[in-house]
Amino acid sequence: MVGAQMAAARFGGDWVRARTASVPLLRWSGALGAAGMALALLVPHPAAALIGFSLVGLGFANVCRHKRKSPQTWH
């Protein structure tokens, strides 16, 4: 599930990255991933875990992409 959502976010992530500055994009992506992880861990239901891990994949896809660049190029 995480892999499928990361692939979807990477395909659409270029469009979002072209229209959004890097620092806010990383903040929102990290927050989305963290919210998904919290949902998956705190709600004791299998559907919540699937939704949570989907959010993790969507959020962290852009974080992984920026990780390869140095922080000086994030502006």
C-alpha atoms as a PDB file:
ATOM      1  CA  MET A   1       0.000   0.000   0.000  1.00  0.00           C
ATOM      2  CA  VAL A   2       2.780   2.428   0.859  1.00  0.00           C
ATOM      3  CA  GLY A   3       4.579   1.612  -2.387  1.00  0.00           C
ATOM      4  CA  ALA A   4       1.485   2.184  -4.514  1.00  0.00           C
ATOM      5  CA  GLN A   5       0.809   5.539  -2.897  1.00  0.00           C
ATOM      6  CA  MET A   6       4.442   6.581  -3.221  1.00  0.00           C
ATOM      7  CA  ALA A   7       4.338   5.751  -6.930  1.00  0.00           C
ATOM      8  CA  ALA A   8       1.144   7.761  -7.382  1.00  0.00           C
ATOM      9  CA  ALA A   9       2.607  10.694  -5.479  1.00  0.00           C
ATOM     10  CA  ARG A  10       5.799  10.604  -7.515  1.00  0.00           C
ATOM     11  CA  PHE A  11       3.865  10.727 -10.771  1.00  0.00           C
ATOM     12  CA  GLY A  12       1.836  13.697  -9.539  1.00  0.00           C
ATOM     13  CA  GLY A  13       4.634  15.103  -7.399  1.00  0.00           C
ATOM     14  CA  ASP A  14       6.419  16.766 -10.296  1.00  0.00           C
ATOM     15  CA  TRP A  15       3.339  18.845 -11.022  1.00  0.00           C
ATOM     16  CA  VAL A  16       3.054  19.852  -7.341  1.00  0.00           C
ATOM     17  CA  ARG A  17       6.785  20.551  -7.023  1.00  0.00           C
ATOM     18  CA  ALA A  18       6.691  22.850 -10.056  1.00  0.00           C
ATOM     19  CA  ARG A  19       4.031  25.000  -8.383  1.00  0.00           C
ATOM     20  CA  THR A  20       5.165  24.893  -4.745  1.00  0.00           C
ATOM     21  CA  ALA A  21       8.325  26.035  -3.020  1.00  0.00           C
ATOM     22  CA  SER A  22      10.458  23.234  -1.639  1.00  0.00           C
ATOM     23  CA  VAL A  23      10.373  24.100   2.062  1.00  0.00           C
ATOM     24  CA  PRO A  24       6.560  24.336   2.388  1.00  0.00           C
ATOM     25  CA  LEU A  25       6.212  21.213   0.260  1.00  0.00           C
ATOM     26  CA  LEU A  26       8.537  19.299   2.569  1.00  0.00           C
ATOM     27  CA  ARG A  27       6.691  20.554   5.634  1.00  0.00           C
ATOM     28  CA  TRP A  28       3.278  19.542   4.292  1.00  0.00           C
ATOM     29  CA  SER A  29       4.587  16.207   3.005  1.00  0.00           C
ATOM     30  CA  GLY A  30       6.188  15.415   6.349  1.00  0.00           C
ATOM     31  CA  ALA A  31       3.036  16.413   8.209  1.00  0.00           C
ATOM     32  CA  LEU A  32       0.908  14.202   5.947  1.00  0.00           C
ATOM     33  CA  GLY A  33       3.239  11.261   6.505  1.00  0.00           C
ATOM     34  CA  ALA A  34       3.302  11.808  10.260  1.00  0.00           C
ATOM     35  CA  ALA A  35      -0.498  12.064  10.402  1.00  0.00           C
ATOM     36  CA  GLY A  36      -0.786   8.828   8.458  1.00  0.00           C
ATOM     37  CA  MET A  37       1.620   7.057  10.795  1.00  0.00           C
ATOM     38  CA  ALA A  38      -0.274   8.348  13.829  1.00  0.00           C
ATOM     39  CA  LEU A  39      -3.562   7.135  12.342  1.00  0.00           C
ATOM     40  CA  ALA A  40      -2.117   3.702  11.602  1.00  0.00           C
ATOM     41  CA  LEU A  41      -0.673   3.353  15.095  1.00  0.00           C
ATOM     42  CA  LEU A  42      -3.407   4.865  17.234  1.00  0.00           C
ATOM     43  CA  VAL A  43      -6.650   3.602  15.677  1.00  0.00           C
ATOM     44  CA  PRO A  44      -7.084  -0.137  16.301  1.00  0.00           C
ATOM     45  CA  HIS A  45      -8.834  -1.043  13.053  1.00  0.00           C
ATOM     46  CA  PRO A  46      -7.422  -2.612   9.871  1.00  0.00           C
ATOM     47  CA  ALA A  47      -9.078  -0.018   7.617  1.00  0.00           C
ATOM     48  CA  ALA A  48      -7.453   2.782   9.604  1.00  0.00           C
ATOM     49  CA  ALA A  49      -4.088   1.098   9.161  1.00  0.00           C
ATOM     50  CA  LEU A  50      -4.569   0.896   5.377  1.00  0.00           C
ATOM     51  CA  ILE A  51      -5.611   4.534   5.161  1.00  0.00           C
ATOM     52  CA  GLY A  52      -2.800   5.577   7.484  1.00  0.00           C
ATOM     53  CA  PHE A  53      -0.106   3.774   5.525  1.00  0.00           C
ATOM     54  CA  SER A  54      -1.522   5.202   2.296  1.00  0.00           C
ATOM     55  CA  LEU A  55      -1.082   8.676   3.754  1.00  0.00           C
ATOM     56  CA  VAL A  56       2.473   7.762   4.765  1.00  0.00           C
ATOM     57  CA  GLY A  57       3.227   6.809   1.162  1.00  0.00           C
ATOM     58  CA  LEU A  58       1.670   9.979  -0.219  1.00  0.00           C
ATOM     59  CA  GLY A  59       3.482  12.194   2.242  1.00  0.00           C
ATOM     60  CA  PHE A  60       6.937  10.675   2.181  1.00  0.00           C
ATOM     61  CA  ALA A  61       7.192  10.309  -1.603  1.00  0.00           C
ATOM     62  CA  ASN A  62       8.212  13.943  -1.997  1.00  0.00           C
ATOM     63  CA  VAL A  63      10.430  13.844   1.097  1.00  0.00           C
ATOM     64  CA  CYS A  64      12.431  10.962  -0.378  1.00  0.00           C
ATOM     65  CA  ARG A  65      12.786  12.869  -3.610  1.00  0.00           C
ATOM     66  CA  HIS A  66      14.219  15.955  -1.885  1.00  0.00           C
ATOM     67  CA  LYS A  67      16.527  13.915   0.303  1.00  0.00           C
ATOM     68  CA  ARG A  68      18.910  13.418  -2.615  1.00  0.00           C
ATOM     69  CA  LYS A  69      19.478  17.167  -2.947  1.00  0.00           C
ATOM     70  CA  SER A  70      21.555  19.190  -0.564  1.00  0.00           C
ATOM     71  CA  PRO A  71      19.662  21.508   1.807  1.00  0.00           C
ATOM     72  CA  GLN A  72      21.177  24.575   0.106  1.00  0.00           C
ATOM     73  CA  THR A  73      19.187  23.784  -3.070  1.00  0.00           C
ATOM     74  CA  TRP A  74      15.803  23.515  -1.354  1.00  0.00           C
ATOM     75  CA  HIS A  75      14.925  27.210  -1.830  1.00  0.00           C
END
